[in-house]
Amino acid sequence: MEREHLDPYVPREHSETITRPTHELPIQLSPDFIRVYGSQTTIASTHWDVSFTIAQPVADTPQEMYIEQRALITMSWQAAKIFAQSLTTAINAYEQHYGEIPVPRSEKSPLKLPT
């Protein structure tokens, strides 16, 4: 008996590939879905992907203040570009309706790309 080729990237002779644009797919929350608030981000990257660390300043007491890192989101550069375009569109719409969002100079930092 001939062994079936199991490589998922090679279509089987009798299989049918159905593709749909991702915007047409239903949305479902993962069982481990979480919401995270953060007012600060840092970015790190490799040649293949980019990671965003979401953080929030916390002051348990006036003497105990620190930045709490709450989540790390990693995605491909392609996904990050699409995300950036969507975020830019949302920010532009918000500013058109409510006015420009001020950003303190100290919060503007360049991304250091891998060499």
PDB file of N, CA and C in Angstrom:
ATOM      1  N   MET A   1       0.846  -1.190   0.000  1.00  0.00           N
ATOM      2  CA  MET A   1       0.000   0.000   0.000  1.00  0.00           C
ATOM      3  C   MET A   1       0.883   1.242   0.000  1.00  0.00           C
ATOM      4  N   GLU A   2       0.547   2.159  -0.851  1.00  0.00           N
ATOM      5  CA  GLU A   2       1.326   3.379  -0.961  1.00  0.00           C
ATOM      6  C   GLU A   2       1.003   4.322   0.197  1.00  0.00           C
ATOM      7  N   ARG A   3       2.026   4.904   0.794  1.00  0.00           N
ATOM      8  CA  ARG A   3       1.848   5.797   1.933  1.00  0.00           C
ATOM      9  C   ARG A   3       1.408   7.177   1.453  1.00  0.00           C
ATOM     10  N   GLU A   4       0.405   7.756   2.116  1.00  0.00           N
ATOM     11  CA  GLU A   4      -0.118   9.075   1.731  1.00  0.00           C
ATOM     12  C   GLU A   4       0.865  10.164   2.145  1.00  0.00           C
ATOM     13  N   HIS A   5       1.025  11.154   1.293  1.00  0.00           N
ATOM     14  CA  HIS A   5       1.910  12.273   1.573  1.00  0.00           C
ATOM     15  C   HIS A   5       1.250  13.165   2.628  1.00  0.00           C
ATOM     16  N   LEU A   6       1.912  13.384   3.775  1.00  0.00           N
ATOM     17  CA  LEU A   6       1.300  14.108   4.885  1.00  0.00           C
ATOM     18  C   LEU A   6       1.755  15.554   5.015  1.00  0.00           C
ATOM     19  N   ASP A   7       2.532  16.050   4.098  1.00  0.00           N
ATOM     20  CA  ASP A   7       2.996  17.430   4.174  1.00  0.00           C
ATOM     21  C   ASP A   7       1.801  18.366   4.025  1.00  0.00           C
ATOM     22  N   PRO A   8       1.505  19.200   5.053  1.00  0.00           N
ATOM     23  CA  PRO A   8       0.323  20.073   4.981  1.00  0.00           C
ATOM     24  C   PRO A   8       0.430  21.170   3.924  1.00  0.00           C
ATOM     25  N   TYR A   9       1.643  21.416   3.427  1.00  0.00           N
ATOM     26  CA  TYR A   9       1.822  22.464   2.430  1.00  0.00           C
ATOM     27  C   TYR A   9       1.704  21.946   1.004  1.00  0.00           C
ATOM     28  N   VAL A  10       1.573  20.640   0.849  1.00  0.00           N
ATOM     29  CA  VAL A  10       1.406  20.047  -0.463  1.00  0.00           C
ATOM     30  C   VAL A  10      -0.040  19.562  -0.562  1.00  0.00           C
ATOM     31  N   PRO A  11      -0.837  20.127  -1.475  1.00  0.00           N
ATOM     32  CA  PRO A  11      -2.233  19.714  -1.569  1.00  0.00           C
ATOM     33  C   PRO A  11      -2.357  18.244  -1.960  1.00  0.00           C
ATOM     34  N   ARG A  12      -3.311  17.565  -1.340  1.00  0.00           N
ATOM     35  CA  ARG A  12      -3.583  16.173  -1.688  1.00  0.00           C
ATOM     36  C   ARG A  12      -4.369  16.132  -2.990  1.00  0.00           C
ATOM     37  N   GLU A  13      -4.250  15.046  -3.678  1.00  0.00           N
ATOM     38  CA  GLU A  13      -4.840  14.906  -5.003  1.00  0.00           C
ATOM     39  C   GLU A  13      -6.347  15.163  -5.000  1.00  0.00           C
ATOM     40  N   HIS A  14      -7.053  14.687  -3.984  1.00  0.00           N
ATOM     41  CA  HIS A  14      -8.504  14.795  -3.979  1.00  0.00           C
ATOM     42  C   HIS A  14      -9.021  15.835  -2.990  1.00  0.00           C
ATOM     43  N   SER A  15      -8.162  16.697  -2.522  1.00  0.00           N
ATOM     44  CA  SER A  15      -8.627  17.701  -1.564  1.00  0.00           C
ATOM     45  C   SER A  15      -8.962  19.000  -2.291  1.00  0.00           C
ATOM     46  N   GLU A  16      -9.791  19.778  -1.667  1.00  0.00           N
ATOM     47  CA  GLU A  16     -10.199  21.057  -2.235  1.00  0.00           C
ATOM     48  C   GLU A  16      -9.773  22.157  -1.271  1.00  0.00           C
ATOM     49  N   THR A  17      -9.154  23.180  -1.781  1.00  0.00           N
ATOM     50  CA  THR A  17      -8.744  24.304  -0.956  1.00  0.00           C
ATOM     51  C   THR A  17      -9.771  25.417  -1.113  1.00  0.00           C
ATOM     52  N   ILE A  18     -10.302  25.837   0.024  1.00  0.00           N
ATOM     53  CA  ILE A  18     -11.275  26.925   0.022  1.00  0.00           C
ATOM     54  C   ILE A  18     -10.640  28.095   0.754  1.00  0.00           C
ATOM     55  N   THR A  19     -10.588  29.227   0.096  1.00  0.00           N
ATOM     56  CA  THR A  19     -10.030  30.411   0.737  1.00  0.00           C
ATOM     57  C   THR A  19     -11.108  31.482   0.834  1.00  0.00           C
ATOM     58  N   ARG A  20     -11.073  32.215   1.929  1.00  0.00           N
ATOM     59  CA  ARG A  20     -11.982  33.341   2.135  1.00  0.00           C
ATOM     60  C   ARG A  20     -11.180  34.489   2.718  1.00  0.00           C
ATOM     61  N   PRO A  21     -11.504  35.714   2.358  1.00  0.00           N
ATOM     62  CA  PRO A  21     -10.822  36.855   2.981  1.00  0.00           C
ATOM     63  C   PRO A  21     -11.056  36.827   4.497  1.00  0.00           C
ATOM     64  N   THR A  22     -10.032  37.186   5.255  1.00  0.00           N
ATOM     65  CA  THR A  22     -10.156  37.110   6.713  1.00  0.00           C
ATOM     66  C   THR A  22     -11.260  38.004   7.256  1.00  0.00           C
ATOM     67  N   HIS A  23     -11.573  39.107   6.580  1.00  0.00           N
ATOM     68  CA  HIS A  23     -12.643  39.982   7.088  1.00  0.00           C
ATOM     69  C   HIS A  23     -14.025  39.345   6.978  1.00  0.00           C
ATOM     70  N   GLU A  24     -14.133  38.229   6.246  1.00  0.00           N
ATOM     71  CA  GLU A  24     -15.411  37.516   6.132  1.00  0.00           C
ATOM     72  C   GLU A  24     -15.555  36.406   7.178  1.00  0.00           C
ATOM     73  N   LEU A  25     -14.487  36.107   7.891  1.00  0.00           N
ATOM     74  CA  LEU A  25     -14.527  35.020   8.869  1.00  0.00           C
ATOM     75  C   LEU A  25     -15.212  35.479  10.154  1.00  0.00           C
ATOM     76  N   PRO A  26     -15.948  34.575  10.826  1.00  0.00           N
ATOM     77  CA  PRO A  26     -16.571  34.946  12.098  1.00  0.00           C
ATOM     78  C   PRO A  26     -15.500  35.170  13.169  1.00  0.00           C
ATOM     79  N   ILE A  27     -15.817  35.984  14.143  1.00  0.00           N
ATOM     80  CA  ILE A  27     -14.898  36.289  15.234  1.00  0.00           C
ATOM     81  C   ILE A  27     -15.354  35.546  16.476  1.00  0.00           C
ATOM     82  N   GLN A  28     -14.402  34.878  17.128  1.00  0.00           N
ATOM     83  CA  GLN A  28     -14.683  34.177  18.374  1.00  0.00           C
ATOM     84  C   GLN A  28     -13.594  34.521  19.377  1.00  0.00           C
ATOM     85  N   LEU A  29     -13.988  34.777  20.620  1.00  0.00           N
ATOM     86  CA  LEU A  29     -13.006  35.024  21.666  1.00  0.00           C
ATOM     87  C   LEU A  29     -12.377  33.705  22.097  1.00  0.00           C
ATOM     88  N   SER A  30     -11.078  33.722  22.278  1.00  0.00           N
ATOM     89  CA  SER A  30     -10.366  32.568  22.806  1.00  0.00           C
ATOM     90  C   SER A  30     -10.773  32.365  24.262  1.00  0.00           C
ATOM     91  N   PRO A  31     -10.763  31.132  24.754  1.00  0.00           N
ATOM     92  CA  PRO A  31     -11.078  30.907  26.174  1.00  0.00           C
ATOM     93  C   PRO A  31     -10.119  31.646  27.115  1.00  0.00           C
ATOM     94  N   ASP A  32      -8.891  31.902  26.653  1.00  0.00           N
ATOM     95  CA  ASP A  32      -7.944  32.627  27.506  1.00  0.00           C
ATOM     96  C   ASP A  32      -7.773  34.094  27.085  1.00  0.00           C
ATOM     97  N   PHE A  33      -8.765  34.642  26.391  1.00  0.00           N
ATOM     98  CA  PHE A  33      -8.760  36.052  25.989  1.00  0.00           C
ATOM     99  C   PHE A  33      -8.681  36.939  27.235  1.00  0.00           C
ATOM    100  N   ILE A  34      -7.841  37.973  27.175  1.00  0.00           N
ATOM    101  CA  ILE A  34      -7.740  38.928  28.283  1.00  0.00           C
ATOM    102  C   ILE A  34      -7.776  40.345  27.738  1.00  0.00           C
ATOM    103  N   ARG A  35      -8.202  41.257  28.584  1.00  0.00           N
ATOM    104  CA  ARG A  35      -8.126  42.688  28.266  1.00  0.00           C
ATOM    105  C   ARG A  35      -6.998  43.277  29.095  1.00  0.00           C
ATOM    106  N   VAL A  36      -6.206  44.122  28.456  1.00  0.00           N
ATOM    107  CA  VAL A  36      -5.074  44.729  29.138  1.00  0.00           C
ATOM    108  C   VAL A  36      -5.090  46.218  28.843  1.00  0.00           C
ATOM    109  N   TYR A  37      -4.942  47.036  29.889  1.00  0.00           N
ATOM    110  CA  TYR A  37      -4.808  48.471  29.693  1.00  0.00           C
ATOM    111  C   TYR A  37      -3.357  48.847  29.921  1.00  0.00           C
ATOM    112  N   GLY A  38      -2.861  49.728  29.101  1.00  0.00           N
ATOM    113  CA  GLY A  38      -1.519  50.250  29.279  1.00  0.00           C
ATOM    114  C   GLY A  38      -1.412  51.611  28.636  1.00  0.00           C
ATOM    115  N   SER A  39      -0.631  52.462  29.238  1.00  0.00           N
ATOM    116  CA  SER A  39      -0.440  53.792  28.661  1.00  0.00           C
ATOM    117  C   SER A  39       0.972  53.962  28.110  1.00  0.00           C
ATOM    118  N   GLN A  40       1.768  52.918  28.190  1.00  0.00           N
ATOM    119  CA  GLN A  40       3.127  52.977  27.663  1.00  0.00           C
ATOM    120  C   GLN A  40       3.417  51.721  26.852  1.00  0.00           C
ATOM    121  N   THR A  41       4.234  51.878  25.829  1.00  0.00           N
ATOM    122  CA  THR A  41       4.656  50.733  25.026  1.00  0.00           C
ATOM    123  C   THR A  41       6.146  50.823  24.761  1.00  0.00           C
ATOM    124  N   THR A  42       6.748  49.678  24.609  1.00  0.00           N
ATOM    125  CA  THR A  42       8.110  49.604  24.088  1.00  0.00           C
ATOM    126  C   THR A  42       8.059  48.616  22.926  1.00  0.00           C
ATOM    127  N   ILE A  43       8.977  48.794  22.011  1.00  0.00           N
ATOM    128  CA  ILE A  43       8.988  47.964  20.809  1.00  0.00           C
ATOM    129  C   ILE A  43      10.350  47.295  20.670  1.00  0.00           C
ATOM    130  N   ALA A  44      10.337  46.022  20.355  1.00  0.00           N
ATOM    131  CA  ALA A  44      11.551  45.274  20.039  1.00  0.00           C
ATOM    132  C   ALA A  44      11.266  44.499  18.756  1.00  0.00           C
ATOM    133  N   SER A  45      12.309  44.199  18.011  1.00  0.00           N
ATOM    134  CA  SER A  45      12.063  43.511  16.746  1.00  0.00           C
ATOM    135  C   SER A  45      13.216  42.607  16.358  1.00  0.00           C
ATOM    136  N   THR A  46      12.888  41.693  15.455  1.00  0.00           N
ATOM    137  CA  THR A  46      13.881  40.874  14.763  1.00  0.00           C
ATOM    138  C   THR A  46      13.644  41.110  13.280  1.00  0.00           C
ATOM    139  N   HIS A  47      14.371  40.404  12.460  1.00  0.00           N
ATOM    140  CA  HIS A  47      14.141  40.532  11.015  1.00  0.00           C
ATOM    141  C   HIS A  47      12.779  39.962  10.617  1.00  0.00           C
ATOM    142  N   TRP A  48      12.224  39.077  11.451  1.00  0.00           N
ATOM    143  CA  TRP A  48      10.995  38.371  11.092  1.00  0.00           C
ATOM    144  C   TRP A  48       9.746  38.931  11.748  1.00  0.00           C
ATOM    145  N   ASP A  49       9.877  39.533  12.952  1.00  0.00           N
ATOM    146  CA  ASP A  49       8.676  39.996  13.646  1.00  0.00           C
ATOM    147  C   ASP A  49       8.970  41.193  14.534  1.00  0.00           C
ATOM    148  N   VAL A  50       7.908  41.742  15.082  1.00  0.00           N
ATOM    149  CA  VAL A  50       8.011  42.913  15.957  1.00  0.00           C
ATOM    150  C   VAL A  50       7.162  42.636  17.196  1.00  0.00           C
ATOM    151  N   SER A  51       7.664  43.051  18.362  1.00  0.00           N
ATOM    152  CA  SER A  51       6.964  42.831  19.632  1.00  0.00           C
ATOM    153  C   SER A  51       6.692  44.163  20.312  1.00  0.00           C
ATOM    154  N   PHE A  52       5.496  44.265  20.870  1.00  0.00           N
ATOM    155  CA  PHE A  52       5.080  45.454  21.607  1.00  0.00           C
ATOM    156  C   PHE A  52       4.852  45.050  23.061  1.00  0.00           C
ATOM    157  N   THR A  53       5.559  45.676  23.982  1.00  0.00           N
ATOM    158  CA  THR A  53       5.315  45.446  25.400  1.00  0.00           C
ATOM    159  C   THR A  53       4.391  46.561  25.881  1.00  0.00           C
ATOM    160  N   ILE A  54       3.263  46.174  26.470  1.00  0.00           N
ATOM    161  CA  ILE A  54       2.284  47.123  26.982  1.00  0.00           C
ATOM    162  C   ILE A  54       2.543  47.269  28.481  1.00  0.00           C
ATOM    163  N   ALA A  55       2.648  48.500  28.950  1.00  0.00           N
ATOM    164  CA  ALA A  55       2.993  48.742  30.350  1.00  0.00           C
ATOM    165  C   ALA A  55       2.160  49.890  30.917  1.00  0.00           C
ATOM    166  N   GLN A  56       2.190  49.999  32.239  1.00  0.00           N
ATOM    167  CA  GLN A  56       1.420  51.019  32.941  1.00  0.00           C
ATOM    168  C   GLN A  56       2.210  51.470  34.165  1.00  0.00           C
ATOM    169  N   PRO A  57       2.368  52.797  34.359  1.00  0.00           N
ATOM    170  CA  PRO A  57       2.968  53.266  35.610  1.00  0.00           C
ATOM    171  C   PRO A  57       2.039  52.920  36.785  1.00  0.00           C
ATOM    172  N   VAL A  58       2.622  52.415  37.850  1.00  0.00           N
ATOM    173  CA  VAL A  58       1.857  52.023  39.031  1.00  0.00           C
ATOM    174  C   VAL A  58       2.481  52.701  40.243  1.00  0.00           C
ATOM    175  N   ALA A  59       1.624  53.226  41.112  1.00  0.00           N
ATOM    176  CA  ALA A  59       2.086  53.836  42.356  1.00  0.00           C
ATOM    177  C   ALA A  59       1.326  53.200  43.509  1.00  0.00           C
ATOM    178  N   ASP A  60       1.915  52.134  44.083  1.00  0.00           N
ATOM    179  CA  ASP A  60       1.284  51.507  45.241  1.00  0.00           C
ATOM    180  C   ASP A  60       1.276  52.482  46.415  1.00  0.00           C
ATOM    181  N   THR A  61       2.368  53.195  46.562  1.00  0.00           N
ATOM    182  CA  THR A  61       2.489  54.295  47.527  1.00  0.00           C
ATOM    183  C   THR A  61       3.347  55.350  46.848  1.00  0.00           C
ATOM    184  N   PRO A  62       3.372  56.572  47.365  1.00  0.00           N
ATOM    185  CA  PRO A  62       4.236  57.589  46.724  1.00  0.00           C
ATOM    186  C   PRO A  62       5.713  57.180  46.678  1.00  0.00           C
ATOM    187  N   GLN A  63       6.140  56.317  47.590  1.00  0.00           N
ATOM    188  CA  GLN A  63       7.537  55.868  47.605  1.00  0.00           C
ATOM    189  C   GLN A  63       7.757  54.646  46.707  1.00  0.00           C
ATOM    190  N   GLU A  64       6.687  53.946  46.343  1.00  0.00           N
ATOM    191  CA  GLU A  64       6.805  52.726  45.545  1.00  0.00           C
ATOM    192  C   GLU A  64       6.137  52.916  44.184  1.00  0.00           C
ATOM    193  N   MET A  65       6.845  53.572  43.280  1.00  0.00           N
ATOM    194  CA  MET A  65       6.329  53.787  41.924  1.00  0.00           C
ATOM    195  C   MET A  65       7.202  52.999  40.946  1.00  0.00           C
ATOM    196  N   TYR A  66       6.567  52.394  39.965  1.00  0.00           N
ATOM    197  CA  TYR A  66       7.293  51.586  38.992  1.00  0.00           C
ATOM    198  C   TYR A  66       6.450  51.435  37.731  1.00  0.00           C
ATOM    199  N   ILE A  67       7.088  50.941  36.679  1.00  0.00           N
ATOM    200  CA  ILE A  67       6.392  50.637  35.430  1.00  0.00           C
ATOM    201  C   ILE A  67       6.100  49.139  35.442  1.00  0.00           C
ATOM    202  N   GLU A  68       4.822  48.776  35.374  1.00  0.00           N
ATOM    203  CA  GLU A  68       4.428  47.376  35.378  1.00  0.00           C
ATOM    204  C   GLU A  68       4.203  46.922  33.936  1.00  0.00           C
ATOM    205  N   GLN A  69       5.000  45.968  33.463  1.00  0.00           N
ATOM    206  CA  GLN A  69       4.804  45.403  32.134  1.00  0.00           C
ATOM    207  C   GLN A  69       3.661  44.404  32.221  1.00  0.00           C
ATOM    208  N   ARG A  70       2.624  44.605  31.401  1.00  0.00           N
ATOM    209  CA  ARG A  70       1.395  43.820  31.530  1.00  0.00           C
ATOM    210  C   ARG A  70       1.180  42.803  30.425  1.00  0.00           C
ATOM    211  N   ALA A  71       1.698  43.057  29.241  1.00  0.00           N
ATOM    212  CA  ALA A  71       1.472  42.122  28.133  1.00  0.00           C
ATOM    213  C   ALA A  71       2.529  42.330  27.063  1.00  0.00           C
ATOM    214  N   LEU A  72       2.782  41.262  26.315  1.00  0.00           N
ATOM    215  CA  LEU A  72       3.682  41.307  25.168  1.00  0.00           C
ATOM    216  C   LEU A  72       2.913  40.784  23.968  1.00  0.00           C
ATOM    217  N   ILE A  73       2.880  41.569  22.912  1.00  0.00           N
ATOM    218  CA  ILE A  73       2.196  41.182  21.678  1.00  0.00           C
ATOM    219  C   ILE A  73       3.254  41.099  20.583  1.00  0.00           C
ATOM    220  N   THR A  74       3.343  39.950  19.926  1.00  0.00           N
ATOM    221  CA  THR A  74       4.314  39.759  18.849  1.00  0.00           C
ATOM    222  C   THR A  74       3.561  39.424  17.573  1.00  0.00           C
ATOM    223  N   MET A  75       3.977  40.045  16.475  1.00  0.00           N
ATOM    224  CA  MET A  75       3.348  39.785  15.180  1.00  0.00           C
ATOM    225  C   MET A  75       4.371  39.938  14.070  1.00  0.00           C
ATOM    226  N   SER A  76       4.003  39.438  12.898  1.00  0.00           N
ATOM    227  CA  SER A  76       4.879  39.593  11.734  1.00  0.00           C
ATOM    228  C   SER A  76       4.927  41.077  11.353  1.00  0.00           C
ATOM    229  N   TRP A  77       5.960  41.429  10.613  1.00  0.00           N
ATOM    230  CA  TRP A  77       6.043  42.806  10.130  1.00  0.00           C
ATOM    231  C   TRP A  77       4.849  43.147   9.234  1.00  0.00           C
ATOM    232  N   GLN A  78       4.396  42.189   8.443  1.00  0.00           N
ATOM    233  CA  GLN A  78       3.240  42.425   7.573  1.00  0.00           C
ATOM    234  C   GLN A  78       2.003  42.723   8.412  1.00  0.00           C
ATOM    235  N   ALA A  79       1.757  41.928   9.441  1.00  0.00           N
ATOM    236  CA  ALA A  79       0.606  42.172  10.319  1.00  0.00           C
ATOM    237  C   ALA A  79       0.763  43.507  11.042  1.00  0.00           C
ATOM    238  N   ALA A  80       1.986  43.837  11.445  1.00  0.00           N
ATOM    239  CA  ALA A  80       2.230  45.101  12.133  1.00  0.00           C
ATOM    240  C   ALA A  80       1.940  46.291  11.217  1.00  0.00           C
ATOM    241  N   LYS A  81       2.290  46.171   9.954  1.00  0.00           N
ATOM    242  CA  LYS A  81       2.019  47.259   9.007  1.00  0.00           C
ATOM    243  C   LYS A  81       0.520  47.453   8.826  1.00  0.00           C
ATOM    244  N   ILE A  82      -0.223  46.356   8.704  1.00  0.00           N
ATOM    245  CA  ILE A  82      -1.678  46.456   8.581  1.00  0.00           C
ATOM    246  C   ILE A  82      -2.269  47.052   9.856  1.00  0.00           C
ATOM    247  N   PHE A  83      -1.766  46.620  11.015  1.00  0.00           N
ATOM    248  CA  PHE A  83      -2.213  47.175  12.292  1.00  0.00           C
ATOM    249  C   PHE A  83      -1.925  48.678  12.352  1.00  0.00           C
ATOM    250  N   ALA A  84      -0.727  49.083  11.940  1.00  0.00           N
ATOM    251  CA  ALA A  84      -0.354  50.502  11.952  1.00  0.00           C
ATOM    252  C   ALA A  84      -1.268  51.330  11.043  1.00  0.00           C
ATOM    253  N   GLN A  85      -1.605  50.798   9.880  1.00  0.00           N
ATOM    254  CA  GLN A  85      -2.512  51.503   8.975  1.00  0.00           C
ATOM    255  C   GLN A  85      -3.894  51.655   9.608  1.00  0.00           C
ATOM    256  N   SER A  86      -4.382  50.597  10.230  1.00  0.00           N
ATOM    257  CA  SER A  86      -5.699  50.654  10.889  1.00  0.00           C
ATOM    258  C   SER A  86      -5.679  51.628  12.052  1.00  0.00           C
ATOM    259  N   LEU A  87      -4.614  51.591  12.843  1.00  0.00           N
ATOM    260  CA  LEU A  87      -4.493  52.494  13.988  1.00  0.00           C
ATOM    261  C   LEU A  87      -4.394  53.948  13.533  1.00  0.00           C
ATOM    262  N   THR A  88      -3.635  54.204  12.469  1.00  0.00           N
ATOM    263  CA  THR A  88      -3.525  55.565  11.930  1.00  0.00           C
ATOM    264  C   THR A  88      -4.883  56.072  11.463  1.00  0.00           C
ATOM    265  N   THR A  89      -5.641  55.230  10.786  1.00  0.00           N
ATOM    266  CA  THR A  89      -6.989  55.610  10.338  1.00  0.00           C
ATOM    267  C   THR A  89      -7.875  55.947  11.540  1.00  0.00           C
ATOM    268  N   ALA A  90      -7.821  55.128  12.587  1.00  0.00           N
ATOM    269  CA  ALA A  90      -8.633  55.368  13.788  1.00  0.00           C
ATOM    270  C   ALA A  90      -8.210  56.655  14.497  1.00  0.00           C
ATOM    271  N   ILE A  91      -6.905  56.895  14.618  1.00  0.00           N
ATOM    272  CA  ILE A  91      -6.409  58.110  15.270  1.00  0.00           C
ATOM    273  C   ILE A  91      -6.809  59.340  14.469  1.00  0.00           C
ATOM    274  N   ASN A  92      -6.666  59.289  13.152  1.00  0.00           N
ATOM    275  CA  ASN A  92      -7.061  60.436  12.316  1.00  0.00           C
ATOM    276  C   ASN A  92      -8.545  60.748  12.461  1.00  0.00           C
ATOM    277  N   ALA A  93      -9.385  59.715  12.492  1.00  0.00           N
ATOM    278  CA  ALA A  93     -10.829  59.928  12.662  1.00  0.00           C
ATOM    279  C   ALA A  93     -11.121  60.521  14.039  1.00  0.00           C
ATOM    280  N   TYR A  94     -10.457  60.026  15.071  1.00  0.00           N
ATOM    281  CA  TYR A  94     -10.647  60.550  16.431  1.00  0.00           C
ATOM    282  C   TYR A  94     -10.253  62.025  16.489  1.00  0.00           C
ATOM    283  N   GLU A  95      -9.074  62.348  15.939  1.00  0.00           N
ATOM    284  CA  GLU A  95      -8.593  63.733  15.981  1.00  0.00           C
ATOM    285  C   GLU A  95      -9.459  64.658  15.136  1.00  0.00           C
ATOM    286  N   GLN A  96     -10.007  64.164  14.065  1.00  0.00           N
ATOM    287  CA  GLN A  96     -10.895  64.982  13.242  1.00  0.00           C
ATOM    288  C   GLN A  96     -12.153  65.343  14.039  1.00  0.00           C
ATOM    289  N   HIS A  97     -12.602  64.428  14.860  1.00  0.00           N
ATOM    290  CA  HIS A  97     -13.820  64.657  15.640  1.00  0.00           C
ATOM    291  C   HIS A  97     -13.551  65.433  16.934  1.00  0.00           C
ATOM    292  N   TYR A  98     -12.451  65.090  17.643  1.00  0.00           N
ATOM    293  CA  TYR A  98     -12.197  65.653  18.980  1.00  0.00           C
ATOM    294  C   TYR A  98     -11.037  66.629  19.051  1.00  0.00           C
ATOM    295  N   GLY A  99     -10.239  66.751  18.012  1.00  0.00           N
ATOM    296  CA  GLY A  99      -9.062  67.614  18.043  1.00  0.00           C
ATOM    297  C   GLY A  99      -7.794  66.796  18.218  1.00  0.00           C
ATOM    298  N   GLU A 100      -6.669  67.457  17.989  1.00  0.00           N
ATOM    299  CA  GLU A 100      -5.377  66.773  18.021  1.00  0.00           C
ATOM    300  C   GLU A 100      -5.065  66.216  19.413  1.00  0.00           C
ATOM    301  N   ILE A 101      -4.514  65.027  19.439  1.00  0.00           N
ATOM    302  CA  ILE A 101      -4.083  64.393  20.681  1.00  0.00           C
ATOM    303  C   ILE A 101      -2.658  64.876  20.963  1.00  0.00           C
ATOM    304  N   PRO A 102      -2.446  65.564  22.081  1.00  0.00           N
ATOM    305  CA  PRO A 102      -1.087  66.029  22.383  1.00  0.00           C
ATOM    306  C   PRO A 102      -0.197  64.865  22.827  1.00  0.00           C
ATOM    307  N   VAL A 103       1.050  64.861  22.368  1.00  0.00           N
ATOM    308  CA  VAL A 103       2.013  63.842  22.767  1.00  0.00           C
ATOM    309  C   VAL A 103       3.237  64.562  23.334  1.00  0.00           C
ATOM    310  N   PRO A 104       3.569  64.320  24.604  1.00  0.00           N
ATOM    311  CA  PRO A 104       4.752  64.970  25.192  1.00  0.00           C
ATOM    312  C   PRO A 104       6.018  64.568  24.439  1.00  0.00           C
ATOM    313  N   ARG A 105       6.933  65.497  24.283  1.00  0.00           N
ATOM    314  CA  ARG A 105       8.177  65.213  23.568  1.00  0.00           C
ATOM    315  C   ARG A 105       8.931  64.036  24.174  1.00  0.00           C
ATOM    316  N   SER A 106       8.881  63.880  25.484  1.00  0.00           N
ATOM    317  CA  SER A 106       9.621  62.805  26.145  1.00  0.00           C
ATOM    318  C   SER A 106       9.103  61.425  25.775  1.00  0.00           C
ATOM    319  N   GLU A 107       7.904  61.340  25.236  1.00  0.00           N
ATOM    320  CA  GLU A 107       7.308  60.051  24.887  1.00  0.00           C
ATOM    321  C   GLU A 107       7.604  59.641  23.447  1.00  0.00           C
ATOM    322  N   LYS A 108       8.237  60.480  22.677  1.00  0.00           N
ATOM    323  CA  LYS A 108       8.567  60.149  21.291  1.00  0.00           C
ATOM    324  C   LYS A 108       9.960  59.548  21.242  1.00  0.00           C
ATOM    325  N   SER A 109      10.036  58.244  20.978  1.00  0.00           N
ATOM    326  CA  SER A 109      11.348  57.595  20.889  1.00  0.00           C
ATOM    327  C   SER A 109      11.421  56.751  19.630  1.00  0.00           C
ATOM    328  N   PRO A 110      12.553  56.787  18.933  1.00  0.00           N
ATOM    329  CA  PRO A 110      12.688  56.032  17.692  1.00  0.00           C
ATOM    330  C   PRO A 110      12.845  54.531  17.963  1.00  0.00           C
ATOM    331  N   LEU A 111      12.421  53.733  17.014  1.00  0.00           N
ATOM    332  CA  LEU A 111      12.607  52.279  17.072  1.00  0.00           C
ATOM    333  C   LEU A 111      14.018  51.961  16.620  1.00  0.00           C
ATOM    334  N   LYS A 112      14.685  51.102  17.367  1.00  0.00           N
ATOM    335  CA  LYS A 112      16.014  50.643  16.955  1.00  0.00           C
ATOM    336  C   LYS A 112      15.837  49.304  16.243  1.00  0.00           C
ATOM    337  N   LEU A 113      16.163  49.263  14.966  1.00  0.00           N
ATOM    338  CA  LEU A 113      16.000  48.060  14.155  1.00  0.00           C
ATOM    339  C   LEU A 113      17.202  47.124  14.325  1.00  0.00           C
ATOM    340  N   PRO A 114      16.968  45.831  14.182  1.00  0.00           N
ATOM    341  CA  PRO A 114      18.094  44.891  14.271  1.00  0.00           C
ATOM    342  C   PRO A 114      19.043  45.088  13.105  1.00  0.00           C
ATOM    343  N   THR A 115      20.326  44.838  13.358  1.00  0.00           N
ATOM    344  CA  THR A 115      21.318  44.998  12.292  1.00  0.00           C
ATOM    345  C   THR A 115      21.742  43.665  11.739  1.00  0.00           C
TER     346      THR A 115
END
